[in-house]
Amino acid sequence: MIKNSENTQVAFENCRMVADMIKGFCEKEIRPFMMEWDENQVFPVELFRKMGELGLMGVLVPQEYGGAGFGYHEYVKVVSELAKVDGSIGLSVAAHNSLCTGHILQFGNDDQKSRWLPKLASGEWIGAWGLTEPNTGSDAGNMKTVAKQEGGHWVINGTKNFITHGISGDVAVVMTRTGEPGDSHGMTAFVVERGTPGFKGGKKENKLGMRASETAEMIFEDCRVPAENILGEVGEGFVQALKILDGGRISIAALGLGIAQGALDAAIAYAQERKQFNQEIAKFQGISFKIADMATQVMASRLLIKEAAELKNQGKSVNQESAMAKLHSSETAVSVANDAVQIFGGYGYVKDFPVEKYYRDAKLCTIGEGTSEIQKLVISRTLFNNL
């Protein structure tokens, strides 16, 4: 089990330990099976139980609730190292840790934390987080999922889509409308356990990439949830969600970093193995300069993420920094994966070689938890507000 970090040096040592541990775990438990999972869209639930035993499902959860008690530097390392091998697994670990588990950790009361966090941190339960709806993606303020109070319970009706673990999640944090559309104080967050009458999974999406990470609908039909399952106060759900997404952007930035680093590593290795015109293609300036540009972009992403993670550890606002990290890292993942396919040439287009999967997986990073356009909106607003 991985342990708590208390200062920068300990965090550095923990990151190195995490990287070594995950590398061995991936080679044994993920790499041999990942293409089968990808082809068949298998969500490997038992793998996440194993990762729970290693502390990877409760990275940020305090030890008193069964978690690792790590900070954001270690968390970034966990997600990026997993994504270097399989972006799907990195995505599911990120969604479980930063969204569902993170929301309960940040806004739950002591009883709620004691009730749900140990099961989530151990991997016994897998978490989901429901904000997006079919007709309200970025326009979350006009969501149609409604919760109405009936005595000591609230009755939820509506549908969420594009939800990671929408079918397999054992517990979900769900944003509902309890006030008027467009009112930032008209939404409330509920925790809903699987098995609650009226709560079920819906359509599973057939995706371009990240195919081993389950993405599906969550459907609520007269779903009765007790009032004690409200996180925070009635009307605080939207404000809570925005704060959770600040941390979630660091998660997706780390995911993009891992994918980009994996694609870069593959391109470097291939360029030194592949020979044309009696020499390694790494010796051609067209290839070597392309790889130099790729490596520079990856490093820039890493430094942006490091800054956001440090601020998050200090409890400071990361609104601008996390958006910048997410924007740069996600776009870098797409660019670097594209260049890696180009370096591989025809072999980059077939599934026997690794870069076609990086190419497919990378695109999600520019969409999930706020599109690149939304990140630019967030960044520009923070800049104008500071003038």
Protein backbone atom coordinates (compact mmCIF):
# COMPACT_ATOMS: atom_id res chain seq x y z
CA MET A 1 0.00 0.00 0.00
CA ILE A 2 1.32 3.43 -0.94
CA LYS A 3 1.70 5.92 1.91
CA ASN A 4 1.25 9.60 2.69
CA SER A 5 3.61 12.36 1.55
CA GLU A 6 4.33 15.41 3.74
CA ASN A 7 6.80 17.51 1.79
CA THR A 8 8.26 18.05 -1.67
CA GLN A 9 11.17 15.65 -1.22
CA VAL A 10 8.90 12.91 0.03
CA ALA A 11 6.55 13.62 -2.88
CA PHE A 12 9.48 13.24 -5.30
CA GLU A 13 10.46 9.91 -3.76
CA ASN A 14 6.85 8.76 -3.77
CA CYS A 15 6.50 9.67 -7.44
CA ARG A 16 9.53 7.57 -8.28
CA MET A 17 8.16 4.67 -6.24
CA VAL A 18 4.74 5.00 -7.89
CA ALA A 19 6.30 4.99 -11.36
CA ASP A 20 8.28 1.82 -10.61
CA MET A 21 5.28 0.08 -9.09
CA ILE A 22 2.92 0.99 -11.93
CA LYS A 23 5.43 -0.03 -14.59
CA GLY A 24 5.65 -3.54 -13.16
CA PHE A 25 1.89 -3.72 -12.66
CA CYS A 26 1.17 -2.59 -16.23
CA GLU A 27 3.55 -5.10 -17.79
CA LYS A 28 1.87 -7.95 -15.92
CA GLU A 29 -1.77 -6.90 -15.64
CA ILE A 30 -2.50 -4.48 -18.50
CA ARG A 31 -0.23 -4.69 -21.55
CA PRO A 32 -0.92 -8.38 -22.35
CA PHE A 33 -4.68 -7.78 -22.43
CA MET A 34 -5.21 -4.16 -23.46
CA MET A 35 -5.78 -4.73 -27.18
CA GLU A 36 -8.33 -7.46 -26.45
CA TRP A 37 -10.11 -5.08 -24.07
CA ASP A 38 -9.92 -2.35 -26.70
CA GLU A 39 -11.26 -4.47 -29.54
CA ASN A 40 -14.15 -5.86 -27.50
CA GLN A 41 -14.84 -2.80 -25.33
CA VAL A 42 -14.27 -4.81 -22.16
CA PHE A 43 -14.30 -2.83 -18.93
CA PRO A 44 -11.97 -4.97 -16.75
CA VAL A 45 -13.64 -4.52 -13.36
CA GLU A 46 -11.36 -6.98 -11.55
CA LEU A 47 -8.31 -4.99 -12.62
CA PHE A 48 -9.62 -2.05 -10.61
CA ARG A 49 -10.03 -4.25 -7.54
CA LYS A 50 -6.33 -5.09 -7.87
CA MET A 51 -5.43 -1.44 -8.25
CA GLY A 52 -7.44 -0.75 -5.11
CA GLU A 53 -5.15 -3.12 -3.23
CA LEU A 54 -2.21 -0.99 -4.37
CA GLY A 55 -3.82 2.25 -3.22
CA LEU A 56 -4.48 3.55 -6.72
CA MET A 57 -8.24 3.93 -6.26
CA GLY A 58 -7.95 6.27 -3.28
CA VAL A 59 -4.85 8.26 -4.14
CA LEU A 60 -6.06 11.52 -2.59
CA VAL A 61 -8.19 9.98 0.17
CA PRO A 62 -6.78 10.37 3.71
CA GLN A 63 -5.50 7.23 5.40
CA GLU A 64 -8.24 7.46 8.04
CA TYR A 65 -10.72 6.55 5.29
CA GLY A 66 -8.53 3.82 3.82
CA GLY A 67 -6.80 5.89 1.16
CA ALA A 68 -3.17 6.58 0.31
CA GLY A 69 -3.26 10.16 1.57
CA PHE A 70 -1.20 11.42 -1.35
CA GLY A 71 -1.13 14.88 -2.89
CA TYR A 72 -1.56 15.97 -6.48
CA HIS A 73 2.03 15.37 -7.61
CA GLU A 74 1.70 11.67 -6.84
CA TYR A 75 -1.80 11.61 -8.29
CA VAL A 76 -0.55 13.07 -11.58
CA LYS A 77 2.15 10.41 -11.65
CA VAL A 78 -0.40 7.63 -11.12
CA VAL A 79 -2.64 8.76 -13.97
CA SER A 80 0.16 9.59 -16.42
CA GLU A 81 2.06 6.34 -15.83
CA LEU A 82 -1.08 4.27 -16.43
CA ALA A 83 -1.90 6.31 -19.54
CA LYS A 84 1.59 5.70 -20.97
CA VAL A 85 0.47 2.10 -21.40
CA ASP A 86 -3.32 2.33 -21.76
CA GLY A 87 -5.23 5.59 -21.78
CA SER A 88 -8.50 3.77 -21.04
CA ILE A 89 -7.28 2.57 -17.67
CA GLY A 90 -5.80 5.96 -16.86
CA LEU A 91 -9.12 7.61 -17.72
CA SER A 92 -11.17 5.31 -15.48
CA VAL A 93 -8.77 5.73 -12.56
CA ALA A 94 -8.88 9.50 -13.03
CA ALA A 95 -12.69 9.65 -13.16
CA HIS A 96 -13.02 7.43 -10.11
CA ASN A 97 -10.49 9.38 -8.05
CA SER A 98 -11.07 13.01 -8.96
CA LEU A 99 -14.77 13.09 -9.75
CA CYS A 100 -16.88 10.69 -7.69
CA THR A 101 -14.45 10.05 -4.84
CA GLY A 102 -13.11 13.60 -4.96
CA HIS A 103 -16.59 15.12 -4.74
CA ILE A 104 -17.47 13.09 -1.64
CA LEU A 105 -14.07 13.84 -0.11
CA GLN A 106 -14.36 17.59 -0.69
CA PHE A 107 -18.02 18.18 0.13
CA GLY A 108 -19.24 15.22 2.14
CA ASN A 109 -19.77 15.35 5.91
CA ASP A 110 -18.00 12.95 8.27
CA ASP A 111 -20.77 10.36 8.14
CA GLN A 112 -20.86 10.44 4.35
CA LYS A 113 -17.10 10.12 4.08
CA SER A 114 -17.06 7.20 6.49
CA ARG A 115 -19.89 5.53 4.61
CA TRP A 116 -18.56 5.71 1.07
CA LEU A 117 -14.86 6.59 0.93
CA PRO A 118 -13.41 3.33 2.36
CA LYS A 119 -15.25 1.26 -0.26
CA LEU A 120 -14.18 3.59 -3.05
CA ALA A 121 -10.56 3.86 -1.88
CA SER A 122 -10.19 0.08 -1.63
CA GLY A 123 -11.59 -0.54 -5.09
CA GLU A 124 -14.44 -2.57 -3.63
CA TRP A 125 -16.74 0.00 -5.21
CA ILE A 126 -16.23 1.87 -8.48
CA GLY A 127 -17.47 5.44 -8.67
CA ALA A 128 -19.32 7.43 -11.33
CA TRP A 129 -20.07 11.16 -11.60
CA GLY A 130 -23.07 12.49 -13.46
CA LEU A 131 -23.22 16.02 -14.87
CA THR A 132 -23.52 15.77 -18.68
CA GLU A 133 -26.89 15.25 -20.33
CA PRO A 134 -27.94 14.57 -23.96
CA ASN A 135 -28.85 18.22 -24.64
CA THR A 136 -26.69 19.99 -22.08
CA GLY A 137 -22.97 19.38 -22.46
CA SER A 138 -21.10 22.57 -21.68
CA ASP A 139 -24.47 24.25 -20.96
CA ALA A 140 -24.87 22.37 -17.68
CA GLY A 141 -26.94 25.15 -16.13
CA ASN A 142 -29.93 24.08 -18.20
CA MET A 143 -29.87 20.42 -17.22
CA LYS A 144 -33.15 18.53 -17.35
CA THR A 145 -32.54 15.99 -14.58
CA VAL A 146 -34.78 17.16 -11.74
CA ALA A 147 -34.99 16.30 -8.04
CA LYS A 148 -38.16 17.12 -6.10
CA GLN A 149 -38.54 16.82 -2.36
CA GLU A 150 -41.14 14.46 -0.91
CA GLY A 151 -40.88 14.40 2.87
CA GLY A 152 -37.50 13.04 3.94
CA HIS A 153 -36.66 11.89 0.41
CA TRP A 154 -35.98 13.46 -2.96
CA VAL A 155 -37.31 11.95 -6.19
CA ILE A 156 -34.96 12.15 -9.17
CA ASN A 157 -36.04 11.93 -12.82
CA GLY A 158 -33.82 12.38 -15.85
CA THR A 159 -30.97 10.94 -17.92
CA LYS A 160 -27.22 11.52 -17.84
CA ASN A 161 -25.01 10.52 -20.74
CA PHE A 162 -21.31 10.11 -21.56
CA ILE A 163 -20.81 8.97 -17.96
CA THR A 164 -17.67 7.03 -17.12
CA HIS A 165 -18.81 3.82 -15.33
CA GLY A 166 -22.46 4.68 -16.00
CA ILE A 167 -23.37 0.98 -15.96
CA SER A 168 -20.73 -0.61 -13.76
CA GLY A 169 -20.32 2.11 -11.13
CA ASP A 170 -21.45 1.00 -7.67
CA VAL A 171 -22.14 4.55 -6.52
CA ALA A 172 -22.64 7.83 -8.37
CA VAL A 173 -22.52 11.50 -7.49
CA VAL A 174 -25.32 13.04 -9.54
CA MET A 175 -26.01 16.71 -10.23
CA THR A 176 -29.71 17.53 -10.38
CA ARG A 177 -31.82 20.63 -10.87
CA THR A 178 -33.69 21.62 -7.71
CA GLY A 179 -34.39 25.20 -8.77
CA GLU A 180 -34.94 27.19 -11.94
CA PRO A 181 -33.01 26.49 -15.18
CA GLY A 182 -29.91 28.62 -15.48
CA ASP A 183 -29.79 29.42 -11.75
CA SER A 184 -26.28 28.66 -10.50
CA HIS A 185 -27.79 28.03 -7.08
CA GLY A 186 -30.58 25.84 -8.43
CA MET A 187 -28.70 22.54 -8.51
CA THR A 188 -27.99 19.93 -5.87
CA ALA A 189 -25.56 16.98 -5.72
CA PHE A 190 -26.81 13.59 -4.53
CA VAL A 191 -24.98 10.33 -3.88
CA VAL A 192 -26.96 7.43 -5.35
CA GLU A 193 -25.99 3.82 -4.75
CA ARG A 194 -26.42 1.15 -7.41
CA GLY A 195 -29.48 -0.95 -6.57
CA THR A 196 -31.54 2.05 -5.55
CA PRO A 197 -34.99 1.55 -7.16
CA GLY A 198 -35.39 3.75 -10.21
CA PHE A 199 -31.64 4.02 -10.93
CA LYS A 200 -30.20 2.01 -13.82
CA GLY A 201 -27.57 2.08 -16.52
CA GLY A 202 -28.55 2.78 -20.10
CA LYS A 203 -26.88 2.71 -23.51
CA LYS A 204 -23.17 1.96 -23.61
CA GLU A 205 -21.35 4.12 -26.16
CA ASN A 206 -19.35 2.53 -29.00
CA LYS A 207 -16.32 4.82 -29.04
CA LEU A 208 -13.40 5.77 -31.26
CA GLY A 209 -10.88 5.40 -28.42
CA MET A 210 -10.64 4.79 -24.69
CA ARG A 211 -12.68 1.70 -25.44
CA ALA A 212 -11.85 -0.21 -22.25
CA SER A 213 -13.19 2.66 -20.15
CA GLU A 214 -16.94 2.27 -19.91
CA THR A 215 -18.99 5.27 -21.08
CA ALA A 216 -22.75 5.00 -20.73
CA GLU A 217 -26.05 6.56 -19.77
CA MET A 218 -27.43 6.74 -16.25
CA ILE A 219 -31.23 6.76 -16.09
CA PHE A 220 -33.36 7.91 -13.17
CA GLU A 221 -37.08 7.11 -13.10
CA ASP A 222 -38.83 8.14 -9.89
CA CYS A 223 -35.61 7.34 -8.03
CA ARG A 224 -36.13 8.02 -4.31
CA VAL A 225 -32.99 9.15 -2.49
CA PRO A 226 -32.88 10.02 1.24
CA ALA A 227 -32.08 13.61 2.16
CA GLU A 228 -28.95 12.46 4.02
CA ASN A 229 -27.45 11.61 0.60
CA ILE A 230 -27.22 15.30 -0.34
CA LEU A 231 -23.62 16.55 -0.53
CA GLY A 232 -23.37 19.94 1.12
CA GLU A 233 -26.53 22.00 1.01
CA VAL A 234 -29.45 22.13 -1.38
CA GLY A 235 -28.59 24.50 -4.22
CA GLU A 236 -24.80 24.11 -3.98
CA GLY A 237 -24.40 21.41 -6.62
CA PHE A 238 -23.37 23.57 -9.56
CA VAL A 239 -20.79 25.53 -7.58
CA GLN A 240 -19.43 22.24 -6.21
CA ALA A 241 -19.23 20.77 -9.72
CA LEU A 242 -17.18 23.70 -10.99
CA LYS A 243 -14.70 23.25 -8.14
CA ILE A 244 -14.47 19.52 -8.81
CA LEU A 245 -13.81 20.19 -12.48
CA ASP A 246 -10.85 22.39 -11.56
CA GLY A 247 -9.17 19.33 -10.09
CA GLY A 248 -10.56 17.13 -12.84
CA ARG A 249 -8.76 19.21 -15.43
CA ILE A 250 -5.48 18.29 -13.78
CA SER A 251 -6.55 14.65 -14.14
CA ILE A 252 -7.19 14.98 -17.87
CA ALA A 253 -3.98 16.95 -18.29
CA ALA A 254 -2.13 14.05 -16.62
CA LEU A 255 -3.96 11.63 -18.90
CA GLY A 256 -2.90 13.58 -21.97
CA LEU A 257 0.66 13.76 -20.67
CA GLY A 258 0.83 10.00 -20.29
CA ILE A 259 -0.55 9.36 -23.77
CA ALA A 260 1.85 11.90 -25.31
CA GLN A 261 4.84 10.45 -23.43
CA GLY A 262 3.89 6.93 -24.47
CA ALA A 263 3.62 7.96 -28.12
CA LEU A 264 6.91 9.87 -27.92
CA ASP A 265 8.74 6.93 -26.35
CA ALA A 266 7.42 4.62 -29.05
CA ALA A 267 8.47 7.05 -31.80
CA ILE A 268 11.99 7.42 -30.39
CA ALA A 269 12.47 3.66 -30.14
CA TYR A 270 11.12 3.05 -33.65
CA ALA A 271 13.22 5.82 -35.20
CA GLN A 272 16.35 4.10 -33.89
CA GLU A 273 15.27 0.66 -35.12
CA ARG A 274 13.83 1.47 -38.54
CA LYS A 275 16.36 1.76 -41.36
CA GLN A 276 15.92 3.39 -44.74
CA PHE A 277 18.63 4.22 -47.27
CA ASN A 278 21.12 2.24 -45.14
CA GLN A 279 20.73 4.26 -41.96
CA GLU A 280 18.41 4.68 -38.99
CA ILE A 281 15.60 7.10 -39.77
CA ALA A 282 16.49 8.93 -36.53
CA LYS A 283 19.48 10.31 -38.43
CA PHE A 284 17.25 12.11 -40.93
CA GLN A 285 16.65 15.72 -39.94
CA GLY A 286 12.98 15.49 -40.89
CA ILE A 287 12.51 12.81 -38.23
CA SER A 288 14.89 14.09 -35.57
CA PHE A 289 13.48 17.63 -35.65
CA LYS A 290 9.93 16.30 -35.45
CA ILE A 291 10.85 14.27 -32.36
CA ALA A 292 12.59 17.31 -30.83
CA ASP A 293 9.38 19.32 -31.25
CA MET A 294 7.32 16.48 -29.76
CA ALA A 295 9.59 16.21 -26.72
CA THR A 296 9.52 19.97 -26.14
CA GLN A 297 5.72 20.02 -26.16
CA VAL A 298 5.56 17.10 -23.73
CA MET A 299 7.96 18.86 -21.36
CA ALA A 300 5.92 22.06 -21.53
CA SER A 301 2.79 20.10 -20.61
CA ARG A 302 4.60 18.44 -17.72
CA LEU A 303 5.68 21.80 -16.28
CA LEU A 304 2.21 23.32 -16.61
CA ILE A 305 0.73 20.32 -14.81
CA LYS A 306 3.38 20.52 -12.10
CA GLU A 307 2.48 24.16 -11.44
CA ALA A 308 -1.23 23.38 -11.20
CA ALA A 309 -0.60 20.38 -8.94
CA GLU A 310 1.57 22.43 -6.60
CA LEU A 311 -1.07 25.13 -6.27
CA LYS A 312 -3.73 22.50 -5.68
CA ASN A 313 -1.62 20.96 -2.91
CA GLN A 314 -1.36 24.39 -1.29
CA GLY A 315 -5.13 24.81 -1.35
CA LYS A 316 -4.94 27.76 -3.73
CA SER A 317 -7.18 28.50 -6.70
CA VAL A 318 -6.18 26.55 -9.80
CA ASN A 319 -8.95 27.80 -12.07
CA GLN A 320 -6.59 29.33 -14.63
CA GLU A 321 -3.64 26.99 -14.15
CA SER A 322 -5.63 23.76 -14.43
CA ALA A 323 -7.38 25.03 -17.56
CA MET A 324 -4.02 25.95 -19.12
CA ALA A 325 -2.54 22.57 -18.22
CA LYS A 326 -5.55 20.70 -19.56
CA LEU A 327 -5.66 22.72 -22.79
CA HIS A 328 -1.96 22.38 -23.55
CA SER A 329 -1.62 18.75 -22.51
CA SER A 330 -4.70 17.52 -24.37
CA GLU A 331 -3.79 19.29 -27.59
CA THR A 332 -0.21 18.07 -27.21
CA ALA A 333 -1.43 14.48 -26.84
CA VAL A 334 -3.29 14.74 -30.16
CA SER A 335 -0.36 16.43 -31.92
CA VAL A 336 2.31 14.07 -30.59
CA ALA A 337 0.23 10.96 -31.31
CA ASN A 338 -0.36 12.22 -34.84
CA ASP A 339 3.36 12.81 -35.37
CA ALA A 340 4.16 9.38 -33.93
CA VAL A 341 1.86 7.73 -36.48
CA GLN A 342 3.61 9.71 -39.22
CA ILE A 343 7.03 8.56 -38.03
CA PHE A 344 5.88 4.95 -38.04
CA GLY A 345 4.51 5.42 -41.55
CA GLY A 346 2.34 2.54 -42.74
CA TYR A 347 3.08 0.59 -39.58
CA GLY A 348 1.61 3.42 -37.54
CA TYR A 349 -1.76 2.73 -39.11
CA VAL A 350 -2.03 -0.90 -38.02
CA LYS A 351 -2.90 -2.34 -34.63
CA ASP A 352 0.25 -4.48 -34.37
CA PHE A 353 2.12 -1.31 -33.43
CA PRO A 354 1.26 0.90 -30.43
CA VAL A 355 0.83 4.37 -31.85
CA GLU A 356 -2.53 3.91 -33.60
CA LYS A 357 -4.12 3.37 -30.18
CA TYR A 358 -2.46 6.48 -28.74
CA TYR A 359 -3.82 8.35 -31.75
CA ARG A 360 -7.39 7.16 -31.12
CA ASP A 361 -7.26 7.61 -27.35
CA ALA A 362 -5.75 11.10 -27.41
CA LYS A 363 -8.74 12.89 -28.92
CA LEU A 364 -10.93 12.34 -25.87
CA CYS A 365 -8.59 14.54 -23.83
CA THR A 366 -9.62 17.59 -25.88
CA ILE A 367 -13.32 16.92 -25.16
CA GLY A 368 -13.80 15.33 -21.73
CA GLU A 369 -14.28 17.50 -18.61
CA GLY A 370 -14.53 20.63 -20.73
CA THR A 371 -13.54 21.00 -24.38
CA SER A 372 -10.46 22.92 -25.47
CA GLU A 373 -12.77 25.78 -26.37
CA ILE A 374 -14.20 25.83 -22.84
CA GLN A 375 -10.67 25.88 -21.42
CA LYS A 376 -9.89 28.94 -23.53
CA LEU A 377 -13.07 30.55 -22.24
CA VAL A 378 -12.05 29.86 -18.64
CA ILE A 379 -8.51 31.15 -19.21
CA SER A 380 -9.60 34.34 -20.96
CA ARG A 381 -12.16 35.11 -18.26
CA THR A 382 -9.58 34.78 -15.51
CA LEU A 383 -7.23 37.06 -17.43
CA PHE A 384 -9.86 39.72 -18.04
CA ASN A 385 -11.04 39.56 -14.43
CA ASN A 386 -7.50 40.23 -13.30
CA LEU A 387 -7.11 43.38 -15.37
